[in-house]
Amino acid sequence: MIQRGATIFLTTHVLEIVERLCSHVAIIHQGRLVADGSIEQLRAGVASSLPGSEANQRLTLEEIFLSIVGAPVGEPVQELSWLI
Protein backbone atom coordinates (compact mmCIF):
# COMPACT_ATOMS: atom_id res chain seq x y z
CA MET A 1 0.00 0.00 0.00
CA ILE A 2 2.86 2.39 0.75
CA GLN A 3 4.09 2.17 -2.84
CA ARG A 4 0.66 3.33 -4.05
CA GLY A 5 0.52 6.21 -1.59
CA ALA A 6 -2.37 4.75 0.40
CA THR A 7 -2.97 5.35 4.09
CA ILE A 8 -4.79 2.90 6.33
CA PHE A 9 -6.04 3.93 9.77
CA LEU A 10 -5.97 1.19 12.37
CA THR A 11 -7.47 1.83 15.78
CA THR A 12 -6.78 -0.69 18.52
CA HIS A 13 -5.82 -1.05 22.14
CA VAL A 14 -3.59 -4.02 21.30
CA LEU A 15 -0.28 -2.22 20.97
CA GLU A 16 1.66 -5.35 20.03
CA ILE A 17 -0.34 -5.48 16.78
CA VAL A 18 0.45 -1.83 16.12
CA GLU A 19 4.19 -2.49 16.59
CA ARG A 20 4.06 -5.30 14.04
CA LEU A 21 1.91 -3.63 11.39
CA CYS A 22 2.35 0.14 11.51
CA SER A 23 5.12 2.43 10.35
CA HIS A 24 3.67 5.54 12.05
CA VAL A 25 1.66 5.95 15.23
CA ALA A 26 -0.54 8.63 16.75
CA ILE A 27 -1.40 8.51 20.46
CA ILE A 28 -4.63 10.15 21.58
CA HIS A 29 -5.14 10.75 25.30
CA GLN A 30 -8.35 12.24 26.70
CA GLY A 31 -9.43 13.25 23.22
CA ARG A 32 -6.19 15.07 22.37
CA LEU A 33 -3.38 14.08 20.05
CA VAL A 34 -0.38 13.85 22.40
CA ALA A 35 2.23 12.18 20.17
CA ASP A 36 2.74 11.11 16.59
CA GLY A 37 5.57 9.85 14.44
CA SER A 38 7.34 6.64 13.62
CA ILE A 39 7.66 4.12 16.41
CA GLU A 40 11.43 4.72 16.37
CA GLN A 41 10.93 8.48 16.76
CA LEU A 42 8.58 7.97 19.70
CA ARG A 43 10.93 5.38 21.21
CA ALA A 44 13.93 7.73 20.98
CA GLY A 45 11.99 10.66 22.45
CA VAL A 46 10.65 8.69 25.41
CA ALA A 47 13.89 6.82 26.10
CA SER A 48 15.84 10.07 26.25
CA SER A 49 13.40 11.50 28.81
CA LEU A 50 13.49 8.54 31.21
CA PRO A 51 15.98 8.88 34.07
CA GLY A 52 18.84 6.41 33.85
CA SER A 53 17.91 5.13 30.42
CA GLU A 54 19.90 5.12 27.23
CA ALA A 55 18.60 6.73 24.04
CA ASN A 56 18.99 3.42 22.19
CA GLN A 57 16.97 1.51 24.79
CA ARG A 58 14.39 -0.66 23.04
CA LEU A 59 11.11 0.32 24.68
CA THR A 60 7.92 -1.45 23.66
CA LEU A 61 5.06 0.59 22.28
CA GLU A 62 3.17 -0.16 25.50
CA GLU A 63 6.01 1.40 27.54
CA ILE A 64 6.08 4.38 25.19
CA PHE A 65 2.31 4.82 25.54
CA LEU A 66 2.42 4.55 29.34
CA SER A 67 5.22 7.08 29.55
CA ILE A 68 3.47 9.59 27.28
CA VAL A 69 0.09 9.42 29.02
CA GLY A 70 1.67 9.67 32.45
CA ALA A 71 1.31 6.16 33.83
CA PRO A 72 4.24 4.63 35.72
CA VAL A 73 6.64 2.76 33.43
CA GLY A 74 8.19 -0.44 34.70
CA GLU A 75 5.74 -0.82 37.56
CA PRO A 76 2.90 -3.34 37.39
CA VAL A 77 -0.39 -1.61 36.66
CA GLN A 78 -3.00 -3.08 38.97
CA GLU A 79 -5.98 -1.29 37.49
CA LEU A 80 -6.64 0.97 34.58
CA SER A 81 -7.97 3.87 36.64
CA TRP A 82 -5.29 6.18 35.20
CA LEU A 83 -7.02 5.86 31.81
CA ILE A 84 -10.22 7.44 33.07
C-alpha atoms as a PDB file:
ATOM      1  CA  MET A   1       0.000   0.000   0.000  1.00  0.00           C
ATOM      2  CA  ILE A   2       2.859   2.391   0.748  1.00  0.00           C
ATOM      3  CA  GLN A   3       4.087   2.170  -2.840  1.00  0.00           C
ATOM      4  CA  ARG A   4       0.662   3.325  -4.051  1.00  0.00           C
ATOM      5  CA  GLY A   5       0.520   6.207  -1.590  1.00  0.00           C
ATOM      6  CA  ALA A   6      -2.370   4.751   0.404  1.00  0.00           C
ATOM      7  CA  THR A   7      -2.967   5.345   4.094  1.00  0.00           C
ATOM      8  CA  ILE A   8      -4.786   2.902   6.326  1.00  0.00           C
ATOM      9  CA  PHE A   9      -6.042   3.933   9.769  1.00  0.00           C
ATOM     10  CA  LEU A  10      -5.973   1.191  12.370  1.00  0.00           C
ATOM     11  CA  THR A  11      -7.467   1.827  15.783  1.00  0.00           C
ATOM     12  CA  THR A  12      -6.783  -0.685  18.521  1.00  0.00           C
ATOM     13  CA  HIS A  13      -5.818  -1.045  22.140  1.00  0.00           C
ATOM     14  CA  VAL A  14      -3.595  -4.020  21.296  1.00  0.00           C
ATOM     15  CA  LEU A  15      -0.277  -2.224  20.974  1.00  0.00           C
ATOM     16  CA  GLU A  16       1.659  -5.352  20.033  1.00  0.00           C
ATOM     17  CA  ILE A  17      -0.336  -5.482  16.784  1.00  0.00           C
ATOM     18  CA  VAL A  18       0.452  -1.827  16.119  1.00  0.00           C
ATOM     19  CA  GLU A  19       4.187  -2.492  16.590  1.00  0.00           C
ATOM     20  CA  ARG A  20       4.058  -5.303  14.041  1.00  0.00           C
ATOM     21  CA  LEU A  21       1.912  -3.628  11.392  1.00  0.00           C
ATOM     22  CA  CYS A  22       2.353   0.137  11.512  1.00  0.00           C
ATOM     23  CA  SER A  23       5.118   2.434  10.352  1.00  0.00           C
ATOM     24  CA  HIS A  24       3.670   5.538  12.049  1.00  0.00           C
ATOM     25  CA  VAL A  25       1.658   5.946  15.234  1.00  0.00           C
ATOM     26  CA  ALA A  26      -0.535   8.633  16.754  1.00  0.00           C
ATOM     27  CA  ILE A  27      -1.397   8.514  20.456  1.00  0.00           C
ATOM     28  CA  ILE A  28      -4.631  10.154  21.583  1.00  0.00           C
ATOM     29  CA  HIS A  29      -5.142  10.746  25.303  1.00  0.00           C
ATOM     30  CA  GLN A  30      -8.351  12.242  26.705  1.00  0.00           C
ATOM     31  CA  GLY A  31      -9.435  13.252  23.218  1.00  0.00           C
ATOM     32  CA  ARG A  32      -6.192  15.074  22.366  1.00  0.00           C
ATOM     33  CA  LEU A  33      -3.381  14.082  20.046  1.00  0.00           C
ATOM     34  CA  VAL A  34      -0.383  13.848  22.397  1.00  0.00           C
ATOM     35  CA  ALA A  35       2.229  12.181  20.172  1.00  0.00           C
ATOM     36  CA  ASP A  36       2.737  11.109  16.594  1.00  0.00           C
ATOM     37  CA  GLY A  37       5.569   9.853  14.441  1.00  0.00           C
ATOM     38  CA  SER A  38       7.337   6.642  13.616  1.00  0.00           C
ATOM     39  CA  ILE A  39       7.661   4.124  16.414  1.00  0.00           C
ATOM     40  CA  GLU A  40      11.429   4.715  16.371  1.00  0.00           C
ATOM     41  CA  GLN A  41      10.935   8.485  16.758  1.00  0.00           C
ATOM     42  CA  LEU A  42       8.583   7.968  19.703  1.00  0.00           C
ATOM     43  CA  ARG A  43      10.930   5.382  21.209  1.00  0.00           C
ATOM     44  CA  ALA A  44      13.929   7.735  20.979  1.00  0.00           C
ATOM     45  CA  GLY A  45      11.988  10.656  22.453  1.00  0.00           C
ATOM     46  CA  VAL A  46      10.646   8.695  25.407  1.00  0.00           C
ATOM     47  CA  ALA A  47      13.894   6.822  26.103  1.00  0.00           C
ATOM     48  CA  SER A  48      15.840  10.075  26.254  1.00  0.00           C
ATOM     49  CA  SER A  49      13.397  11.501  28.812  1.00  0.00           C
ATOM     50  CA  LEU A  50      13.490   8.542  31.210  1.00  0.00           C
ATOM     51  CA  PRO A  51      15.976   8.884  34.073  1.00  0.00           C
ATOM     52  CA  GLY A  52      18.842   6.412  33.852  1.00  0.00           C
ATOM     53  CA  SER A  53      17.910   5.127  30.416  1.00  0.00           C
ATOM     54  CA  GLU A  54      19.897   5.121  27.231  1.00  0.00           C
ATOM     55  CA  ALA A  55      18.601   6.727  24.044  1.00  0.00           C
ATOM     56  CA  ASN A  56      18.991   3.416  22.189  1.00  0.00           C
ATOM     57  CA  GLN A  57      16.974   1.512  24.791  1.00  0.00           C
ATOM     58  CA  ARG A  58      14.386  -0.660  23.038  1.00  0.00           C
ATOM     59  CA  LEU A  59      11.105   0.319  24.676  1.00  0.00           C
ATOM     60  CA  THR A  60       7.922  -1.453  23.661  1.00  0.00           C
ATOM     61  CA  LEU A  61       5.060   0.588  22.281  1.00  0.00           C
ATOM     62  CA  GLU A  62       3.174  -0.162  25.496  1.00  0.00           C
ATOM     63  CA  GLU A  63       6.014   1.395  27.538  1.00  0.00           C
ATOM     64  CA  ILE A  64       6.080   4.378  25.190  1.00  0.00           C
ATOM     65  CA  PHE A  65       2.307   4.819  25.542  1.00  0.00           C
ATOM     66  CA  LEU A  66       2.418   4.554  29.338  1.00  0.00           C
ATOM     67  CA  SER A  67       5.223   7.085  29.553  1.00  0.00           C
ATOM     68  CA  ILE A  68       3.473   9.588  27.276  1.00  0.00           C
ATOM     69  CA  VAL A  69       0.086   9.424  29.025  1.00  0.00           C
ATOM     70  CA  GLY A  70       1.666   9.671  32.449  1.00  0.00           C
ATOM     71  CA  ALA A  71       1.313   6.155  33.828  1.00  0.00           C
ATOM     72  CA  PRO A  72       4.239   4.634  35.724  1.00  0.00           C
ATOM     73  CA  VAL A  73       6.640   2.762  33.425  1.00  0.00           C
ATOM     74  CA  GLY A  74       8.192  -0.437  34.699  1.00  0.00           C
ATOM     75  CA  GLU A  75       5.738  -0.817  37.559  1.00  0.00           C
ATOM     76  CA  PRO A  76       2.897  -3.340  37.394  1.00  0.00           C
ATOM     77  CA  VAL A  77      -0.387  -1.609  36.659  1.00  0.00           C
ATOM     78  CA  GLN A  78      -3.004  -3.084  38.971  1.00  0.00           C
ATOM     79  CA  GLU A  79      -5.980  -1.291  37.490  1.00  0.00           C
ATOM     80  CA  LEU A  80      -6.640   0.974  34.576  1.00  0.00           C
ATOM     81  CA  SER A  81      -7.969   3.865  36.641  1.00  0.00           C
ATOM     82  CA  TRP A  82      -5.292   6.182  35.202  1.00  0.00           C
ATOM     83  CA  LEU A  83      -7.020   5.858  31.805  1.00  0.00           C
ATOM     84  CA  ILE A  84     -10.219   7.439  33.073  1.00  0.00           C
END
